[in-house]
Amino acid sequence: MIICLDSEFTHLWSRLGQLDLDLIIIPAKTDMITGYNRVFSCARPRAIELQTVVCVLGAVGVPFGHPLTDTGVGGASVFLPCDVGVALDGIHATLLPQTAAMMTDRVLIATDIPVGACRRLRNGQAEAEVCPAIWNADHLAVVDPAA
């Protein structure tokens, strides 16, 4: 489990990719729609990059708070690798952003998450269109033309 801000830092994810993880859960408490969009938009490519399931769970409201003045924005999503054998769009299930002021009580129930199919892709046991989970950039060099 990582926290919401961690979804935005790719160096952490390159290290997590070495762990062969089946599921990553990202709890999030964002105060504005911009924070929600950063966390959720960054989590989706991480599922593609690591070829694993990434679940983002965004809280709405504050304990014993006043929902009409709370600015928190939350939602929930289950992201998967974009591959024919797993998910065409990389989205298994999603709950659109909501605020406490909306006074909703929506719940995302995601069933039949294809954890095993993701594991087979990631470990080369199933045909994949692209295998980013097993690729690294150690052999590349950045050349500065100004130097």
C-alpha atoms as a PDB file:
ATOM      1  CA  MET A   1       0.000   0.000   0.000  1.00  0.00           C
ATOM      2  CA  ILE A   2       1.260   3.441  -0.882  1.00  0.00           C
ATOM      3  CA  ILE A   3      -0.316   6.846  -0.259  1.00  0.00           C
ATOM      4  CA  CYS A   4      -1.926   9.109  -2.826  1.00  0.00           C
ATOM      5  CA  LEU A   5       1.005  11.463  -3.448  1.00  0.00           C
ATOM      6  CA  ASP A   6       3.257   8.473  -4.140  1.00  0.00           C
ATOM      7  CA  SER A   7       1.300   7.699  -7.314  1.00  0.00           C
ATOM      8  CA  GLU A   8       2.855  10.796  -8.890  1.00  0.00           C
ATOM      9  CA  PHE A   9       6.509   9.790  -8.472  1.00  0.00           C
ATOM     10  CA  THR A  10       7.772   7.412 -11.145  1.00  0.00           C
ATOM     11  CA  HIS A  11      11.049   6.522  -9.434  1.00  0.00           C
ATOM     12  CA  LEU A  12       9.145   4.786  -6.636  1.00  0.00           C
ATOM     13  CA  TRP A  13       7.181   2.795  -9.212  1.00  0.00           C
ATOM     14  CA  SER A  14      10.282   1.618 -11.025  1.00  0.00           C
ATOM     15  CA  ARG A  15      11.418   0.151  -7.690  1.00  0.00           C
ATOM     16  CA  LEU A  16       7.996  -1.380  -7.025  1.00  0.00           C
ATOM     17  CA  GLY A  17       8.164  -3.005 -10.462  1.00  0.00           C
ATOM     18  CA  GLN A  18      11.010  -5.201  -9.218  1.00  0.00           C
ATOM     19  CA  LEU A  19       8.743  -6.737  -6.544  1.00  0.00           C
ATOM     20  CA  ASP A  20       6.300  -8.689  -8.773  1.00  0.00           C
ATOM     21  CA  LEU A  21       3.252  -7.254  -6.976  1.00  0.00           C
ATOM     22  CA  ASP A  22      -0.255  -8.517  -7.763  1.00  0.00           C
ATOM     23  CA  LEU A  23      -2.185  -5.628  -6.233  1.00  0.00           C
ATOM     24  CA  ILE A  24      -1.349  -2.082  -5.200  1.00  0.00           C
ATOM     25  CA  ILE A  25      -3.830  -0.092  -3.126  1.00  0.00           C
ATOM     26  CA  ILE A  26      -3.634   3.694  -3.063  1.00  0.00           C
ATOM     27  CA  PRO A  27      -5.768   5.402  -0.402  1.00  0.00           C
ATOM     28  CA  ALA A  28      -6.285   9.053  -1.271  1.00  0.00           C
ATOM     29  CA  LYS A  29      -7.649  12.160   0.434  1.00  0.00           C
ATOM     30  CA  THR A  30      -7.526  15.030  -2.010  1.00  0.00           C
ATOM     31  CA  ASP A  31      -8.936  18.454  -1.281  1.00  0.00           C
ATOM     32  CA  MET A  32      -9.626  19.576  -4.838  1.00  0.00           C
ATOM     33  CA  ILE A  33     -10.471  18.105  -8.228  1.00  0.00           C
ATOM     34  CA  THR A  34      -6.915  18.868  -9.374  1.00  0.00           C
ATOM     35  CA  GLY A  35      -5.487  16.580  -6.691  1.00  0.00           C
ATOM     36  CA  TYR A  36      -8.017  13.895  -7.527  1.00  0.00           C
ATOM     37  CA  ASN A  37      -7.086  14.125 -11.218  1.00  0.00           C
ATOM     38  CA  ARG A  38      -3.355  13.924 -10.478  1.00  0.00           C
ATOM     39  CA  VAL A  39      -3.653  10.849  -8.260  1.00  0.00           C
ATOM     40  CA  PHE A  40      -6.122   8.937 -10.432  1.00  0.00           C
ATOM     41  CA  SER A  41      -4.482   9.967 -13.723  1.00  0.00           C
ATOM     42  CA  CYS A  42      -1.074   8.822 -12.460  1.00  0.00           C
ATOM     43  CA  ALA A  43      -2.365   5.525 -11.053  1.00  0.00           C
ATOM     44  CA  ARG A  44      -3.708   4.318 -14.390  1.00  0.00           C
ATOM     45  CA  PRO A  45      -0.382   4.323 -16.264  1.00  0.00           C
ATOM     46  CA  ARG A  46       1.259   2.667 -13.248  1.00  0.00           C
ATOM     47  CA  ALA A  47      -1.028  -0.346 -13.768  1.00  0.00           C
ATOM     48  CA  ILE A  48       0.141  -0.445 -17.380  1.00  0.00           C
ATOM     49  CA  GLU A  49       3.778   0.071 -16.440  1.00  0.00           C
ATOM     50  CA  LEU A  50       3.866  -2.650 -13.769  1.00  0.00           C
ATOM     51  CA  GLN A  51       1.275  -4.898 -15.459  1.00  0.00           C
ATOM     52  CA  THR A  52      -0.586  -5.241 -12.204  1.00  0.00           C
ATOM     53  CA  VAL A  53      -3.857  -4.216 -10.562  1.00  0.00           C
ATOM     54  CA  VAL A  54      -3.853  -0.714  -9.068  1.00  0.00           C
ATOM     55  CA  CYS A  55      -6.823   0.314  -6.907  1.00  0.00           C
ATOM     56  CA  VAL A  56      -7.329   3.935  -5.901  1.00  0.00           C
ATOM     57  CA  LEU A  57      -9.736   4.657  -3.077  1.00  0.00           C
ATOM     58  CA  GLY A  58     -10.498   8.335  -2.572  1.00  0.00           C
ATOM     59  CA  ALA A  59     -12.119   9.444   0.676  1.00  0.00           C
ATOM     60  CA  VAL A  60     -14.956  11.953   0.727  1.00  0.00           C
ATOM     61  CA  GLY A  61     -15.851  14.022   3.740  1.00  0.00           C
ATOM     62  CA  VAL A  62     -14.342  14.357   7.170  1.00  0.00           C
ATOM     63  CA  PRO A  63     -15.212  12.337  10.284  1.00  0.00           C
ATOM     64  CA  PHE A  64     -17.824  14.252  12.258  1.00  0.00           C
ATOM     65  CA  GLY A  65     -17.408  17.088   9.748  1.00  0.00           C
ATOM     66  CA  HIS A  66     -19.760  19.385   7.953  1.00  0.00           C
ATOM     67  CA  PRO A  67     -20.319  17.965   4.462  1.00  0.00           C
ATOM     68  CA  LEU A  68     -21.498  21.235   2.951  1.00  0.00           C
ATOM     69  CA  THR A  69     -18.178  22.946   3.737  1.00  0.00           C
ATOM     70  CA  ASP A  70     -15.852  19.988   3.140  1.00  0.00           C
ATOM     71  CA  THR A  71     -13.805  20.450  -0.036  1.00  0.00           C
ATOM     72  CA  GLY A  72     -12.587  16.868  -0.329  1.00  0.00           C
ATOM     73  CA  VAL A  73     -12.984  15.128  -3.685  1.00  0.00           C
ATOM     74  CA  GLY A  74     -12.921  11.349  -3.864  1.00  0.00           C
ATOM     75  CA  GLY A  75     -13.861   8.385  -5.975  1.00  0.00           C
ATOM     76  CA  ALA A  76     -12.620   4.876  -6.624  1.00  0.00           C
ATOM     77  CA  SER A  77     -11.075   3.029  -9.543  1.00  0.00           C
ATOM     78  CA  VAL A  78      -9.561  -0.331 -10.370  1.00  0.00           C
ATOM     79  CA  PHE A  79      -6.948   0.049 -13.102  1.00  0.00           C
ATOM     80  CA  LEU A  80      -5.426  -2.801 -15.120  1.00  0.00           C
ATOM     81  CA  PRO A  81      -2.833  -3.160 -17.862  1.00  0.00           C
ATOM     82  CA  CYS A  82      -4.210  -2.276 -21.306  1.00  0.00           C
ATOM     83  CA  ASP A  83      -3.935  -5.611 -23.061  1.00  0.00           C
ATOM     84  CA  VAL A  84      -6.358  -7.730 -25.064  1.00  0.00           C
ATOM     85  CA  GLY A  85      -6.210 -10.525 -22.488  1.00  0.00           C
ATOM     86  CA  VAL A  86      -6.950  -8.221 -19.543  1.00  0.00           C
ATOM     87  CA  ALA A  87      -8.667  -4.902 -20.340  1.00  0.00           C
ATOM     88  CA  LEU A  88      -9.023  -2.966 -23.570  1.00  0.00           C
ATOM     89  CA  ASP A  89      -9.017   0.439 -21.842  1.00  0.00           C
ATOM     90  CA  GLY A  90      -7.225  -0.366 -18.594  1.00  0.00           C
ATOM     91  CA  ILE A  91     -10.279   0.381 -16.466  1.00  0.00           C
ATOM     92  CA  HIS A  92     -11.916  -2.524 -14.647  1.00  0.00           C
ATOM     93  CA  ALA A  93     -14.297  -0.393 -12.586  1.00  0.00           C
ATOM     94  CA  THR A  94     -14.619   3.259 -11.676  1.00  0.00           C
ATOM     95  CA  LEU A  95     -16.659   5.579  -9.512  1.00  0.00           C
ATOM     96  CA  LEU A  96     -16.613   9.156 -10.762  1.00  0.00           C
ATOM     97  CA  PRO A  97     -15.373  11.968  -8.495  1.00  0.00           C
ATOM     98  CA  GLN A  98     -17.729  13.156  -5.812  1.00  0.00           C
ATOM     99  CA  THR A  99     -17.630  15.608  -2.949  1.00  0.00           C
ATOM    100  CA  ALA A 100     -19.175  15.507   0.491  1.00  0.00           C
ATOM    101  CA  ALA A 101     -21.390  18.438  -0.509  1.00  0.00           C
ATOM    102  CA  MET A 102     -23.023  16.203  -3.144  1.00  0.00           C
ATOM    103  CA  MET A 103     -24.470  14.206  -0.213  1.00  0.00           C
ATOM    104  CA  THR A 104     -24.098  10.908  -2.097  1.00  0.00           C
ATOM    105  CA  ASP A 105     -23.281   7.541  -0.632  1.00  0.00           C
ATOM    106  CA  ARG A 106     -22.008   5.697  -3.690  1.00  0.00           C
ATOM    107  CA  VAL A 107     -19.903   2.578  -3.269  1.00  0.00           C
ATOM    108  CA  LEU A 108     -17.777   0.854  -5.880  1.00  0.00           C
ATOM    109  CA  ILE A 109     -17.992  -2.919  -5.831  1.00  0.00           C
ATOM    110  CA  ALA A 110     -15.403  -4.408  -8.162  1.00  0.00           C
ATOM    111  CA  THR A 111     -15.794  -8.135  -8.725  1.00  0.00           C
ATOM    112  CA  ASP A 112     -13.782 -10.627 -10.739  1.00  0.00           C
ATOM    113  CA  ILE A 113     -10.624  -8.519 -10.865  1.00  0.00           C
ATOM    114  CA  PRO A 114      -8.255 -10.457 -13.188  1.00  0.00           C
ATOM    115  CA  VAL A 115      -5.262 -10.590 -10.846  1.00  0.00           C
ATOM    116  CA  GLY A 116      -4.091 -13.931 -12.248  1.00  0.00           C
ATOM    117  CA  ALA A 117      -4.269 -12.721 -15.862  1.00  0.00           C
ATOM    118  CA  CYS A 118      -2.146  -9.696 -14.932  1.00  0.00           C
ATOM    119  CA  ARG A 119       0.373 -11.935 -13.167  1.00  0.00           C
ATOM    120  CA  ARG A 120       0.637 -14.192 -16.226  1.00  0.00           C
ATOM    121  CA  LEU A 121       1.237 -11.171 -18.489  1.00  0.00           C
ATOM    122  CA  ARG A 122       3.810  -9.693 -16.120  1.00  0.00           C
ATOM    123  CA  ASN A 123       5.700 -12.962 -15.769  1.00  0.00           C
ATOM    124  CA  GLY A 124       5.741 -13.779 -19.489  1.00  0.00           C
ATOM    125  CA  GLN A 125       3.330 -16.701 -19.139  1.00  0.00           C
ATOM    126  CA  ALA A 126       0.743 -15.126 -21.450  1.00  0.00           C
ATOM    127  CA  GLU A 127       1.119 -13.312 -24.725  1.00  0.00           C
ATOM    128  CA  ALA A 128       1.226  -9.564 -24.222  1.00  0.00           C
ATOM    129  CA  GLU A 129       1.169  -6.758 -26.755  1.00  0.00           C
ATOM    130  CA  VAL A 130       3.873  -4.893 -24.811  1.00  0.00           C
ATOM    131  CA  CYS A 131       5.858  -6.003 -21.752  1.00  0.00           C
ATOM    132  CA  PRO A 132       6.788  -2.797 -19.891  1.00  0.00           C
ATOM    133  CA  ALA A 133       7.057  -4.626 -16.559  1.00  0.00           C
ATOM    134  CA  ILE A 134      10.219  -6.428 -17.676  1.00  0.00           C
ATOM    135  CA  TRP A 135      11.884  -3.456 -19.421  1.00  0.00           C
ATOM    136  CA  ASN A 136      14.322  -1.030 -17.823  1.00  0.00           C
ATOM    137  CA  ALA A 137      16.243   1.955 -19.100  1.00  0.00           C
ATOM    138  CA  ASP A 138      19.630   1.156 -17.525  1.00  0.00           C
ATOM    139  CA  HIS A 139      21.233   0.825 -20.957  1.00  0.00           C
ATOM    140  CA  LEU A 140      20.154   4.304 -22.114  1.00  0.00           C
ATOM    141  CA  ALA A 141      22.200   7.489 -21.855  1.00  0.00           C
ATOM    142  CA  VAL A 142      20.909  11.036 -21.948  1.00  0.00           C
ATOM    143  CA  VAL A 143      23.095  13.122 -24.247  1.00  0.00           C
ATOM    144  CA  ASP A 144      23.048  16.862 -23.720  1.00  0.00           C
ATOM    145  CA  PRO A 145      23.604  18.518 -27.118  1.00  0.00           C
ATOM    146  CA  ALA A 146      24.692  21.739 -25.365  1.00  0.00           C
ATOM    147  CA  ALA A 147      27.613  19.990 -23.670  1.00  0.00           C
END
